[in-house]
Protein backbone atom coordinates (compact mmCIF):
# COMPACT_ATOMS: atom_id res chain seq x y z
CA UNK A 1 -0.10 0.12 -0.08
CA UNK A 2 1.16 3.26 -0.76
CA UNK A 3 1.86 6.09 2.29
CA UNK A 4 -0.70 8.86 1.64
CA UNK A 5 2.09 11.15 1.69
CA UNK A 6 4.07 9.80 -1.42
CA UNK A 7 -0.04 9.25 -3.14
CA UNK A 8 -0.29 13.27 -2.45
CA UNK A 9 3.10 14.36 -3.93
CA UNK A 10 2.37 11.96 -6.86
CA UNK A 11 -1.51 13.19 -7.40
CA UNK A 12 0.37 17.01 -7.04
CA UNK A 13 3.14 16.06 -9.66
CA UNK A 14 1.26 14.43 -11.87
CA UNK A 15 -0.90 17.75 -12.05
CA UNK A 16 2.39 20.09 -12.64
CA UNK A 17 3.49 18.44 -14.99
CA UNK A 18 0.29 17.81 -17.21
CA UNK A 19 -0.60 21.46 -16.74
CA UNK A 20 2.91 23.75 -17.49
CA UNK A 21 3.64 20.43 -20.46
CA UNK A 22 0.31 20.37 -22.47
CA UNK A 23 -2.60 22.21 -20.79
CA UNK A 24 -1.26 25.53 -20.47
CA UNK A 25 1.10 25.60 -23.49
CA UNK A 26 -2.49 25.13 -25.58
CA UNK A 27 -4.88 27.07 -24.05
CA UNK A 28 -2.56 29.51 -22.37
CA UNK A 29 0.53 30.67 -24.24
CA UNK A 30 2.11 33.60 -22.93
CA UNK A 31 -1.06 34.71 -21.13
CA UNK A 32 0.07 35.32 -17.84
CA UNK A 33 -3.45 35.84 -16.51
CA UNK A 34 -4.66 32.89 -18.02
CA UNK A 35 -2.18 30.87 -17.04
CA UNK A 36 -2.80 32.44 -13.49
CA UNK A 37 -6.48 31.60 -13.40
CA UNK A 38 -5.96 28.00 -14.56
CA UNK A 39 -3.55 27.48 -11.97
CA UNK A 40 -5.62 28.35 -9.11
CA UNK A 41 -7.80 25.86 -11.21
CA UNK A 42 -5.37 23.06 -10.91
CA UNK A 43 -4.68 23.97 -7.65
CA UNK A 44 -8.17 23.52 -6.40
CA UNK A 45 -8.65 20.14 -8.22
CA UNK A 46 -5.56 18.96 -6.19
CA UNK A 47 -7.55 20.32 -2.67
CA UNK A 48 -10.81 18.93 -4.07
CA UNK A 49 -9.06 15.22 -4.36
CA UNK A 50 -7.10 15.14 -1.90
CA UNK A 51 -10.06 16.60 0.50
CA UNK A 52 -12.66 13.97 -0.44
CA UNK A 53 -10.24 11.45 0.93
CA UNK A 54 -8.84 12.88 4.24
CA UNK A 55 -11.01 15.17 5.28
CA UNK A 56 -12.31 14.75 8.98
CA UNK A 57 -10.04 11.47 8.71
CA UNK A 58 -7.64 13.53 11.28
CA UNK A 59 -4.46 11.76 9.74
CA UNK A 60 -1.35 13.79 10.42
CA UNK A 61 0.78 14.37 7.02
CA UNK A 62 4.49 14.85 8.05
CA UNK A 63 6.60 17.42 5.51
CA UNK A 64 10.37 17.70 7.28
CA UNK A 65 9.63 16.97 10.90
CA UNK A 66 5.85 19.03 11.10
CA UNK A 67 2.93 17.75 10.99
CA UNK A 68 0.16 19.03 8.81
CA UNK A 69 -3.37 18.40 8.48
CA UNK A 70 -3.87 17.37 4.26
CA UNK A 71 -4.91 20.92 3.13
CA UNK A 72 -1.59 21.80 3.86
CA UNK A 73 0.09 19.51 3.08
CA UNK A 74 -1.47 19.12 -0.57
CA UNK A 75 -0.75 23.43 -0.83
CA UNK A 76 2.57 23.18 0.01
CA UNK A 77 3.95 20.62 -1.75
CA UNK A 78 1.89 21.56 -4.47
CA UNK A 79 3.68 25.14 -4.64
CA UNK A 80 7.46 23.09 -4.34
CA UNK A 81 6.67 20.95 -7.42
CA UNK A 82 5.06 24.19 -9.08
CA UNK A 83 7.79 27.27 -8.51
CA UNK A 84 10.44 25.52 -10.65
CA UNK A 85 7.95 24.98 -13.23
CA UNK A 86 6.70 28.63 -13.18
CA UNK A 87 10.13 30.14 -13.42
CA UNK A 88 11.01 27.71 -16.39
CA UNK A 89 7.27 28.18 -18.08
CA UNK A 90 7.84 32.52 -17.72
CA UNK A 91 11.27 32.54 -19.04
CA UNK A 92 9.92 30.23 -21.94
CA UNK A 93 6.87 31.77 -22.96
CA UNK A 94 8.21 35.54 -22.33
């Protein structure tokens, strides 16, 4: 069985890679307002998927020694995965 932390990180990584390498170039291109809007949507999708599984479960995710609930763990790991790709995307499409 896969650990919940790894499952969330894999979900986030899949969403970020699909967004930045497939979806954003096709629908947003260099339009940063569209990228920001679709990124908000993608982040919300990650939070909804994880929330459906862990909301009310009381499960504590561990991230570098800190215990977090599902919301903060999902959001922080999503941002950590997304930031390098967002810089790359901005550099490429600006």
